[in-house]
Amino acid sequence: MKIKNLLYVLLACSVGLSSCSKFLDKNPDMRAEINSVENLKRLVASAYPSANHLLMTEVYSDNVEDKGVGSLEQMITNFYNWQDINDNGTNTPTDYWNKCYEAISVANHALKAIEEGNFGEDVLPYKGEALVARAYAHFMLVTLYSQAYQIGGDNSSPGVPYVTEPENVVIKQYERGTVASVYENIRKDLEEGLPLLKGGKWEVPKYHFTPESANAFAARFYLFTGQWQKVVDHANAIFAGGNFAGKLRPYNTTFKTLGFNEVNIVYTKADQPYNLMLSETYSTYQRFSSVRHGMGVNVFQKVLNGITAAGQQFYNFGLSYGTPHYTTYVWKEFFYITDAAANTGFPMLMVPTFTSDEALMNRAEAYAQLGQNAKAIADLNLLASNRIDRYNPTAHEVTLAKAQAHFEVTDPKKALINTVLEFKRVVFMQEGMRWFDIIRHRLPVKHIVIDDQGNESFIELGPDDKRRVFQIPQETKLSGLEQNPR
């Protein structure tokens, strides 16, 4: 089977990009022949979004504040005020939408090649990778651009187009389906693809969906659908015996001995057990530490360095560029040079897409939902033992009583789930993860606003606010898609 080089962008052209002629004008003889398992593997390696959601989801969340001073970036200000972005540049919802559909199109071309070719059983792990990658990109799309999945509730609101065939026309008509139908299709792809991954051989496995990272994705997916035992089962499948000990980010041990410039290198290295999957993305996210709307004094002191339900703050690498500008300093930009003479190229970030820390906390939440409190507490204590400086199991042990007192609640389930959410908020500060817990648990978000005279007021994004759903690109109207209501 032959496909045009860059043909995978056609889908993005038809449902997202306004300037697609540069792709359509490519020489039709630029071809990649998919006639071997090795070529198929190389194709599937591109079935991952080359953009990230970090700026979008972090600034939408309660991890940021109006500092009153700092550079004003219009896009970040819009995010802070939950306003739509009419742009398709890096860090925008339109760009992330496009990159997800580009990845989906690659997966579809690979699956089509497998269907029409005669590759034998050696191709099955890469068929599995394509299916799981397709499921993941659709999951991120429906999570960000549709209403949040309601466990046991009505999920008939508009979803996103679930695309399973390669593009063969420039402008194709699509339907959004429902959130329920998208989730069902994700489930089918995930459950078909995951068992096929066994036996796959990748040069750098952490850049691909392997059995470990696919199980981490499954744990996250079933957390959204409320299938708690499946969350536990898939989290347990990541490491032998479900044992996460020695597999978490070593903040209070190894990291503590390293300098800032060393930590943000090892943080995203593929040889570390806590990184289950990494994604190379085009991004300028790490350049916004001194903007007006970001992590300021309140978040730095009360959240990142606040006292947790363990009775102690977590050890972290908070760094100031001068009060009130703070950063966790975990991001290391690398510059991909395209023209050495002109020193031009692209800023890139290696992003941990799935980590053992997240998988452990997903399991802890599932245990709490199942009423298995002792197991939930054990997971919480394992994380705390890796994050509290000079950890003392007697003084810093998470207990049900401490959690209830810390959050001033009596319900055991609520106390433990609140502890999970608190731990995750600190652990994944500036990694864009907080937003997913906000929409899953229907948490309100409050942002402070400081006017030119220094007066403070607040704006709030409630659980039913339509702005909690990112707007899909305006160009999708060409493909018959309705925009999200405002």
Protein backbone atom coordinates (compact mmCIF):
# COMPACT_ATOMS: atom_id res chain seq x y z
CA MET A 1 0.00 0.00 0.00
CA LYS A 2 1.25 3.50 -0.84
CA ILE A 3 0.24 6.73 0.84
CA LYS A 4 1.32 10.28 0.16
CA ASN A 5 3.87 11.71 2.50
CA LEU A 6 2.04 14.09 4.88
CA LEU A 7 -1.32 12.82 3.69
CA TYR A 8 -2.25 12.41 7.32
CA VAL A 9 -2.69 16.19 7.60
CA LEU A 10 -5.62 16.15 5.20
CA LEU A 11 -8.03 15.42 8.01
CA ALA A 12 -6.76 18.40 9.95
CA CYS A 13 -7.13 20.46 6.80
CA SER A 14 -10.76 19.49 6.38
CA VAL A 15 -11.77 20.02 10.00
CA GLY A 16 -9.33 22.56 11.34
CA LEU A 17 -6.82 24.39 9.22
CA SER A 18 -7.56 27.45 7.14
CA SER A 19 -4.36 27.32 5.05
CA CYS A 20 -4.13 23.75 3.80
CA SER A 21 -3.07 24.37 0.22
CA LYS A 22 0.60 24.01 1.16
CA PHE A 23 -0.07 20.36 2.00
CA LEU A 24 -2.28 19.69 -1.01
CA ASP A 25 0.34 21.21 -3.31
CA LYS A 26 2.98 18.65 -2.35
CA ASN A 27 4.54 16.68 -5.20
CA PRO A 28 2.30 13.63 -5.66
CA ASP A 29 5.38 11.47 -6.22
CA MET A 30 6.52 12.02 -2.62
CA ARG A 31 5.45 8.61 -1.39
CA ALA A 32 6.13 6.27 1.49
CA GLU A 33 5.55 2.64 0.62
CA ILE A 34 4.13 0.66 3.53
CA ASN A 35 5.32 -2.76 2.43
CA SER A 36 6.97 -4.06 5.59
CA VAL A 37 6.40 -4.25 9.31
CA GLU A 38 9.37 -1.92 9.80
CA ASN A 39 7.84 0.76 7.58
CA LEU A 40 4.52 0.31 9.34
CA LYS A 41 6.23 0.81 12.70
CA ARG A 42 7.75 4.08 11.49
CA LEU A 43 4.36 5.30 10.35
CA VAL A 44 2.65 4.47 13.66
CA ALA A 45 5.41 6.33 15.50
CA SER A 46 3.80 9.55 14.20
CA ALA A 47 0.33 8.68 15.52
CA TYR A 48 0.75 10.95 18.55
CA PRO A 49 -0.22 14.64 18.93
CA SER A 50 2.79 16.89 18.33
CA ALA A 51 1.25 19.65 20.45
CA ASN A 52 0.31 19.75 24.12
CA HIS A 53 -2.51 21.14 26.25
CA LEU A 54 -0.32 22.47 29.08
CA LEU A 55 -1.03 26.19 28.78
CA MET A 56 -4.72 25.68 28.03
CA THR A 57 -5.56 23.47 30.95
CA GLU A 58 -3.21 24.99 33.51
CA VAL A 59 -4.39 28.58 33.04
CA TYR A 60 -8.03 27.49 33.02
CA SER A 61 -7.54 25.85 36.42
CA ASP A 62 -7.21 27.17 39.97
CA ASN A 63 -3.41 26.82 39.86
CA VAL A 64 -3.01 30.37 38.56
CA GLU A 65 -3.79 33.84 39.80
CA ASP A 66 -3.68 37.49 38.78
CA LYS A 67 -0.40 38.69 40.28
CA GLY A 68 -1.13 42.34 39.60
CA VAL A 69 2.20 42.70 37.80
CA GLY A 70 3.96 40.91 34.98
CA SER A 71 3.90 40.79 31.21
CA LEU A 72 0.48 40.63 29.60
CA GLU A 73 0.07 37.91 26.98
CA GLN A 74 -3.31 38.25 25.29
CA MET A 75 -3.76 34.52 24.81
CA ILE A 76 -3.00 33.79 28.47
CA THR A 77 -5.29 36.61 29.59
CA ASN A 78 -8.07 35.10 27.48
CA PHE A 79 -7.48 31.67 29.02
CA TYR A 80 -7.48 33.20 32.50
CA ASN A 81 -10.87 34.79 31.81
CA TRP A 82 -12.13 31.59 30.11
CA GLN A 83 -12.55 33.37 26.79
CA ASP A 84 -12.29 31.72 23.37
CA ILE A 85 -9.03 32.02 21.41
CA ASN A 86 -9.50 32.93 17.74
CA ASP A 87 -6.08 31.81 16.65
CA ASN A 88 -4.47 28.56 15.50
CA GLY A 89 -0.92 29.14 16.74
CA THR A 90 0.99 27.05 19.24
CA ASN A 91 -0.65 26.51 22.66
CA THR A 92 -4.14 27.26 21.26
CA PRO A 93 -7.20 24.97 21.36
CA THR A 94 -7.32 25.01 17.56
CA ASP A 95 -3.72 23.85 17.29
CA TYR A 96 -4.22 21.02 19.77
CA TRP A 97 -7.42 19.95 17.99
CA ASN A 98 -5.57 19.85 14.68
CA LYS A 99 -2.62 17.92 16.05
CA CYS A 100 -4.88 15.33 17.63
CA TYR A 101 -6.69 14.74 14.33
CA GLU A 102 -3.39 14.58 12.46
CA ALA A 103 -2.34 11.83 14.86
CA ILE A 104 -5.66 10.05 14.34
CA SER A 105 -5.21 10.19 10.59
CA VAL A 106 -1.78 8.57 10.86
CA ALA A 107 -3.29 5.79 12.96
CA ASN A 108 -6.05 5.29 10.41
CA HIS A 109 -3.60 5.04 7.50
CA ALA A 110 -1.59 2.49 9.44
CA LEU A 111 -4.68 0.43 10.23
CA LYS A 112 -5.78 0.61 6.61
CA ALA A 113 -2.36 -0.59 5.47
CA ILE A 114 -2.54 -3.50 7.91
CA GLU A 115 -6.03 -4.39 6.68
CA GLU A 116 -4.97 -4.41 3.03
CA GLY A 117 -1.49 -5.86 3.48
CA ASN A 118 -0.17 -9.27 4.35
CA PHE A 119 2.17 -8.59 7.25
CA GLY A 120 1.57 -11.67 9.36
CA GLU A 121 1.38 -11.80 13.13
CA ASP A 122 4.50 -9.67 13.57
CA VAL A 123 2.42 -6.58 12.82
CA LEU A 124 -0.09 -7.16 15.63
CA PRO A 125 1.72 -5.09 18.31
CA TYR A 126 1.77 -2.09 15.96
CA LYS A 127 -1.86 -2.58 15.07
CA GLY A 128 -2.46 -2.47 18.80
CA GLU A 129 -0.38 0.69 19.08
CA ALA A 130 -2.36 2.37 16.30
CA LEU A 131 -5.68 1.44 17.93
CA VAL A 132 -4.64 2.69 21.37
CA ALA A 133 -3.12 5.86 19.91
CA ARG A 134 -6.37 6.52 18.02
CA ALA A 135 -8.33 5.97 21.22
CA TYR A 136 -6.04 8.31 23.18
CA ALA A 137 -6.26 11.22 20.72
CA HIS A 138 -10.06 10.94 20.64
CA PHE A 139 -10.13 10.75 24.44
CA MET A 140 -8.19 13.99 24.75
CA LEU A 141 -10.46 15.65 22.20
CA VAL A 142 -13.73 14.63 23.85
CA THR A 143 -12.33 15.52 27.28
CA LEU A 144 -11.39 19.07 26.27
CA TYR A 145 -13.94 19.97 23.58
CA SER A 146 -17.10 18.30 24.92
CA GLN A 147 -18.95 18.29 28.20
CA ALA A 148 -17.37 16.08 30.84
CA TYR A 149 -18.53 12.48 30.99
CA GLN A 150 -21.17 12.09 33.70
CA ILE A 151 -20.88 8.82 35.57
CA GLY A 152 -24.34 7.27 35.57
CA GLY A 153 -25.75 10.43 33.99
CA ASP A 154 -26.83 11.85 30.66
CA ASN A 155 -24.01 11.81 28.12
CA SER A 156 -26.06 12.73 25.08
CA SER A 157 -24.40 16.13 24.63
CA PRO A 158 -22.30 16.63 21.46
CA GLY A 159 -19.04 14.71 21.34
CA VAL A 160 -16.31 14.97 18.69
CA PRO A 161 -16.11 13.19 15.32
CA TYR A 162 -14.74 9.69 15.89
CA VAL A 163 -12.77 9.14 12.71
CA THR A 164 -11.87 5.57 11.74
CA GLU A 165 -11.10 5.89 8.01
CA PRO A 166 -8.32 7.73 6.16
CA GLU A 167 -9.27 10.94 4.38
CA ASN A 168 -9.90 10.67 0.64
CA VAL A 169 -11.48 14.07 0.00
CA VAL A 170 -10.43 17.59 0.89
CA ILE A 171 -13.63 18.64 2.66
CA LYS A 172 -15.59 15.83 4.26
CA GLN A 173 -18.77 16.10 6.27
CA TYR A 174 -18.68 14.81 9.83
CA GLU A 175 -21.00 14.41 12.76
CA ARG A 176 -19.99 15.02 16.35
CA GLY A 177 -21.97 12.13 17.74
CA THR A 178 -22.51 12.17 21.50
CA VAL A 179 -20.15 12.02 24.44
CA ALA A 180 -21.54 8.53 25.10
CA SER A 181 -20.83 7.30 21.56
CA VAL A 182 -17.30 8.70 21.57
CA TYR A 183 -16.55 7.00 24.88
CA GLU A 184 -17.90 3.73 23.55
CA ASN A 185 -15.65 3.95 20.50
CA ILE A 186 -12.66 4.79 22.68
CA ARG A 187 -13.42 1.76 24.82
CA LYS A 188 -13.61 -0.51 21.77
CA ASP A 189 -10.29 0.67 20.34
CA LEU A 190 -8.58 0.52 23.72
CA GLU A 191 -9.84 -2.93 24.63
CA GLU A 192 -9.01 -4.33 21.19
CA GLY A 193 -5.61 -2.69 20.96
CA LEU A 194 -4.15 -3.16 24.43
CA PRO A 195 -3.84 -6.99 24.37
CA LEU A 196 -2.08 -6.80 20.98
CA LEU A 197 0.81 -4.73 22.34
CA LYS A 198 2.52 -7.66 24.02
CA GLY A 199 5.70 -8.58 22.19
CA GLY A 200 6.16 -5.22 20.48
CA LYS A 201 9.73 -4.06 19.95
CA TRP A 202 10.42 -0.32 19.95
CA GLU A 203 13.77 1.43 19.77
CA VAL A 204 12.68 3.81 22.55
CA PRO A 205 9.59 2.20 24.12
CA LYS A 206 8.71 5.24 26.25
CA TYR A 207 7.80 7.18 23.08
CA HIS A 208 5.10 4.64 22.25
CA PHE A 209 2.06 2.96 23.71
CA THR A 210 3.49 -0.14 25.32
CA PRO A 211 1.59 -2.50 27.63
CA GLU A 212 2.67 -0.35 30.59
CA SER A 213 1.62 3.04 29.21
CA ALA A 214 -1.53 1.63 27.62
CA ASN A 215 -2.58 0.26 31.01
CA ALA A 216 -1.93 3.70 32.52
CA PHE A 217 -4.17 5.21 29.84
CA ALA A 218 -6.83 2.59 30.55
CA ALA A 219 -6.70 3.42 34.27
CA ARG A 220 -7.25 7.10 33.45
CA PHE A 221 -10.06 6.32 30.99
CA TYR A 222 -11.97 4.11 33.43
CA LEU A 223 -11.51 6.72 36.15
CA PHE A 224 -13.57 9.03 33.94
CA THR A 225 -16.24 6.38 33.36
CA GLY A 226 -16.43 5.38 37.02
CA GLN A 227 -15.46 1.74 36.48
CA TRP A 228 -13.40 1.61 39.63
CA GLN A 229 -12.33 -2.03 39.60
CA LYS A 230 -11.02 -1.63 36.06
CA VAL A 231 -8.98 1.36 37.23
CA VAL A 232 -7.42 -0.85 39.89
CA ASP A 233 -6.85 -3.76 37.52
CA HIS A 234 -5.13 -1.68 34.86
CA ALA A 235 -3.01 0.24 37.38
CA ASN A 236 -1.93 -3.09 38.88
CA ALA A 237 -0.92 -4.32 35.42
CA ILE A 238 1.67 -1.56 34.96
CA PHE A 239 4.24 -3.06 37.33
CA ALA A 240 4.68 -6.65 38.49
CA GLY A 241 2.38 -7.36 41.38
CA GLY A 242 0.98 -3.84 41.20
CA ASN A 243 4.00 -2.69 43.19
CA PHE A 244 4.82 1.01 42.68
CA ALA A 245 7.55 1.13 45.33
CA GLY A 246 10.74 2.57 43.85
CA LYS A 247 8.90 3.56 40.68
CA LEU A 248 7.73 7.08 41.63
CA ARG A 249 9.43 10.41 41.06
CA PRO A 250 12.18 10.40 43.74
CA TYR A 251 11.72 13.95 44.98
CA ASN A 252 13.02 13.58 48.54
CA THR A 253 15.92 11.32 47.56
CA THR A 254 17.57 11.47 44.13
CA PHE A 255 16.01 14.76 43.03
CA LYS A 256 17.00 16.39 46.29
CA THR A 257 20.67 15.79 45.51
CA LEU A 258 20.47 17.34 42.04
CA GLY A 259 20.59 20.95 40.92
CA PHE A 260 17.71 22.62 39.09
CA ASN A 261 19.37 22.17 35.72
CA GLU A 262 19.84 18.48 36.40
CA VAL A 263 16.33 17.84 37.68
CA ASN A 264 14.58 19.25 34.64
CA ILE A 265 16.66 16.97 32.45
CA VAL A 266 16.07 13.75 34.36
CA TYR A 267 12.40 14.69 34.84
CA THR A 268 11.60 13.73 31.27
CA LYS A 269 14.20 11.06 30.56
CA ALA A 270 13.01 7.87 28.95
CA ASP A 271 15.13 5.63 31.17
CA GLN A 272 13.31 6.60 34.36
CA PRO A 273 10.67 4.17 35.71
CA TYR A 274 8.25 6.95 36.67
CA ASN A 275 7.91 8.05 33.03
CA LEU A 276 5.55 5.57 31.40
CA MET A 277 5.17 7.51 28.15
CA LEU A 278 6.73 10.69 26.79
CA SER A 279 5.59 12.92 23.94
CA GLU A 280 7.75 15.28 21.93
CA THR A 281 5.74 18.47 21.38
CA TYR A 282 6.22 21.87 19.78
CA SER A 283 5.66 24.31 22.63
CA THR A 284 6.63 27.66 24.14
CA TYR A 285 4.89 26.89 27.44
CA GLN A 286 8.04 27.03 29.53
CA ARG A 287 8.65 30.66 28.51
CA PHE A 288 5.71 32.11 30.44
CA SER A 289 7.02 32.13 34.02
CA SER A 290 6.92 35.92 34.38
CA VAL A 291 3.48 36.58 32.92
CA ARG A 292 0.84 38.34 34.98
CA HIS A 293 -1.50 35.36 35.08
CA GLY A 294 0.32 32.35 36.46
CA MET A 295 1.58 30.82 39.68
CA GLY A 296 1.95 33.69 42.15
CA VAL A 297 2.51 34.09 45.86
CA ASN A 298 -0.83 32.64 46.97
CA VAL A 299 -0.59 29.45 44.93
CA PHE A 300 3.12 29.05 45.67
CA GLN A 301 2.71 29.39 49.43
CA LYS A 302 -0.75 27.95 50.08
CA VAL A 303 -0.95 25.17 47.50
CA LEU A 304 2.47 24.10 46.25
CA ASN A 305 4.02 24.56 49.70
CA GLY A 306 0.88 24.24 51.77
CA ILE A 307 0.36 21.71 54.55
CA THR A 308 -1.23 18.56 53.13
CA ALA A 309 -3.45 15.92 54.69
CA ALA A 310 -0.23 14.11 55.63
CA GLY A 311 0.41 16.93 58.11
CA GLN A 312 3.42 18.25 56.20
CA GLN A 313 4.14 20.07 52.96
CA PHE A 314 5.57 18.23 49.96
CA TYR A 315 9.17 18.77 48.89
CA ASN A 316 9.32 20.56 45.54
CA PHE A 317 11.53 22.67 43.31
CA GLY A 318 9.66 25.96 43.36
CA LEU A 319 11.81 28.74 41.98
CA SER A 320 11.20 32.49 41.81
CA TYR A 321 12.07 34.80 38.95
CA GLY A 322 11.49 37.60 41.44
CA THR A 323 8.37 37.87 43.57
CA PRO A 324 5.58 37.24 42.63
CA HIS A 325 6.70 35.08 39.70
CA TYR A 326 7.19 31.41 40.51
CA THR A 327 7.79 28.20 38.60
CA THR A 328 8.20 24.52 39.47
CA TYR A 329 11.18 24.53 37.10
CA VAL A 330 10.49 21.04 35.78
CA TRP A 331 10.37 22.00 32.10
CA LYS A 332 13.45 21.96 29.91
CA GLU A 333 13.04 23.42 26.45
CA PHE A 334 15.20 22.01 23.72
CA PHE A 335 15.57 23.82 20.43
CA TYR A 336 15.28 21.79 17.24
CA ILE A 337 17.45 23.64 14.72
CA THR A 338 16.23 23.62 11.13
CA ASP A 339 18.79 26.10 9.80
CA ALA A 340 22.14 26.06 11.57
CA ALA A 341 23.44 29.11 9.71
CA ALA A 342 20.46 31.25 10.66
CA ASN A 343 20.06 29.52 14.04
CA THR A 344 16.36 29.05 13.45
CA GLY A 345 14.16 26.17 14.42
CA PHE A 346 11.43 25.10 16.81
CA PRO A 347 11.14 25.18 20.62
CA MET A 348 10.23 21.70 21.84
CA LEU A 349 9.13 20.12 25.10
CA MET A 350 9.30 16.49 26.07
CA VAL A 351 6.09 15.96 28.04
CA PRO A 352 5.40 13.04 30.40
CA THR A 353 2.05 11.88 29.00
CA PHE A 354 1.63 9.11 31.57
CA THR A 355 3.51 8.69 34.84
CA SER A 356 3.53 6.17 37.64
CA ASP A 357 2.60 8.95 40.10
CA GLU A 358 -0.67 9.58 38.28
CA ALA A 359 -1.45 5.88 37.92
CA LEU A 360 -0.89 5.35 41.66
CA MET A 361 -3.23 8.20 42.57
CA ASN A 362 -5.83 6.96 40.10
CA ARG A 363 -5.70 3.60 41.86
CA ALA A 364 -5.96 5.29 45.26
CA GLU A 365 -9.09 7.15 44.17
CA ALA A 366 -10.61 3.94 42.78
CA TYR A 367 -9.90 2.15 46.06
CA ALA A 368 -11.63 4.96 47.95
CA GLN A 369 -14.63 4.77 45.63
CA LEU A 370 -14.78 1.00 46.23
CA GLY A 371 -14.69 1.49 49.99
CA GLN A 372 -11.28 -0.19 50.26
CA ASN A 373 -9.97 2.55 52.52
CA ALA A 374 -6.88 0.76 53.83
CA LYS A 375 -5.59 0.22 50.30
CA ALA A 376 -6.33 3.84 49.34
CA ILE A 377 -4.45 5.04 52.41
CA ALA A 378 -1.51 2.76 51.60
CA ASP A 379 -1.22 4.32 48.13
CA LEU A 380 -1.45 7.82 49.56
CA ASN A 381 1.29 7.03 52.07
CA LEU A 382 3.53 5.62 49.36
CA LEU A 383 3.29 8.89 47.45
CA ALA A 384 3.77 10.96 50.60
CA SER A 385 6.88 8.94 51.49
CA ASN A 386 8.42 10.07 48.18
CA ARG A 387 7.41 13.71 48.51
CA ILE A 388 7.90 14.77 52.14
CA ASP A 389 11.38 15.89 53.12
CA ARG A 390 12.85 13.73 55.90
CA TYR A 391 9.73 11.60 55.79
CA ASN A 392 8.82 10.06 59.14
CA PRO A 393 6.14 7.36 58.91
CA THR A 394 4.95 8.11 62.44
CA ALA A 395 4.62 11.87 62.06
CA HIS A 396 3.64 12.00 58.40
CA GLU A 397 1.37 8.99 57.98
CA VAL A 398 -1.88 9.67 56.18
CA THR A 399 -4.78 8.38 58.25
CA LEU A 400 -8.51 8.60 57.79
CA ALA A 401 -8.82 10.71 60.92
CA LYS A 402 -6.17 13.17 59.73
CA ALA A 403 -7.82 13.46 56.32
CA GLN A 404 -11.24 14.06 57.87
CA ALA A 405 -9.85 16.75 60.16
CA HIS A 406 -7.79 18.36 57.40
CA PHE A 407 -10.79 18.78 55.09
CA GLU A 408 -13.34 19.18 57.88
CA VAL A 409 -15.54 16.37 56.57
CA THR A 410 -16.89 13.23 58.24
CA ASP A 411 -17.56 11.07 55.20
CA PRO A 412 -14.57 8.68 54.79
CA LYS A 413 -14.87 8.48 51.01
CA LYS A 414 -14.97 12.25 50.62
CA ALA A 415 -11.99 12.70 52.94
CA LEU A 416 -9.84 10.21 51.04
CA ILE A 417 -10.83 11.47 47.60
CA ASN A 418 -10.10 15.03 48.69
CA THR A 419 -6.68 13.84 49.80
CA VAL A 420 -6.04 12.26 46.41
CA LEU A 421 -7.06 15.46 44.64
CA GLU A 422 -4.90 17.57 46.95
CA PHE A 423 -1.87 15.36 46.41
CA LYS A 424 -2.34 15.37 42.65
CA ARG A 425 -2.73 19.13 42.56
CA VAL A 426 0.65 19.61 44.21
CA VAL A 427 2.42 16.78 42.41
CA PHE A 428 1.32 17.90 38.94
CA MET A 429 1.53 21.66 39.44
CA GLN A 430 2.19 23.37 36.07
CA GLU A 431 1.67 20.08 34.20
CA GLY A 432 -1.91 20.81 33.10
CA MET A 433 -3.37 17.85 35.00
CA ARG A 434 -5.46 19.70 37.58
CA TRP A 435 -8.07 20.60 34.97
CA PHE A 436 -9.06 16.97 34.45
CA ASP A 437 -9.88 16.54 38.14
CA ILE A 438 -11.80 19.81 38.09
CA ILE A 439 -14.10 18.68 35.30
CA ARG A 440 -14.44 15.10 36.61
CA HIS A 441 -15.51 16.25 40.06
CA ARG A 442 -17.38 19.34 38.88
CA LEU A 443 -15.23 21.63 41.00
CA PRO A 444 -15.77 25.39 40.69
CA VAL A 445 -12.79 27.55 39.72
CA LYS A 446 -12.33 31.02 41.16
CA HIS A 447 -9.85 33.54 39.73
CA ILE A 448 -8.81 36.76 41.39
CA VAL A 449 -8.84 39.94 39.28
CA ILE A 450 -6.75 42.96 40.26
CA ASP A 451 -7.61 46.27 38.59
CA ASP A 452 -5.30 49.20 37.84
CA GLN A 453 -5.93 50.66 41.30
CA GLY A 454 -5.04 47.42 43.04
CA ASN A 455 -8.62 46.54 43.94
CA GLU A 456 -9.43 42.84 44.08
CA SER A 457 -12.52 41.06 42.80
CA PHE A 458 -13.25 37.51 41.70
CA ILE A 459 -14.65 35.70 38.71
CA GLU A 460 -15.93 32.14 38.94
CA LEU A 461 -16.38 29.22 36.56
CA GLY A 462 -19.18 27.09 37.96
CA PRO A 463 -19.79 23.36 37.36
CA ASP A 464 -22.40 24.02 34.67
CA ASP A 465 -20.71 26.96 32.97
CA LYS A 466 -20.57 26.37 29.21
CA ARG A 467 -17.11 27.92 29.06
CA ARG A 468 -15.67 24.83 30.79
CA VAL A 469 -15.64 23.28 27.31
CA PHE A 470 -12.96 24.57 24.94
CA GLN A 471 -14.29 25.89 21.65
CA ILE A 472 -13.74 23.80 18.54
CA PRO A 473 -12.14 25.54 15.54
CA GLN A 474 -14.41 27.81 13.52
CA GLU A 475 -13.20 26.15 10.32
CA THR A 476 -14.97 22.94 11.33
CA LYS A 477 -18.20 24.54 10.15
CA LEU A 478 -17.02 23.61 6.66
CA SER A 479 -17.36 19.98 7.69
CA GLY A 480 -20.83 20.48 9.14
CA LEU A 481 -19.87 20.66 12.82
CA GLU A 482 -21.73 22.87 15.26
CA GLN A 483 -19.64 24.93 17.61
CA ASN A 484 -19.95 24.60 21.36
CA PRO A 485 -22.62 26.90 22.84
CA ARG A 486 -21.57 29.99 24.71
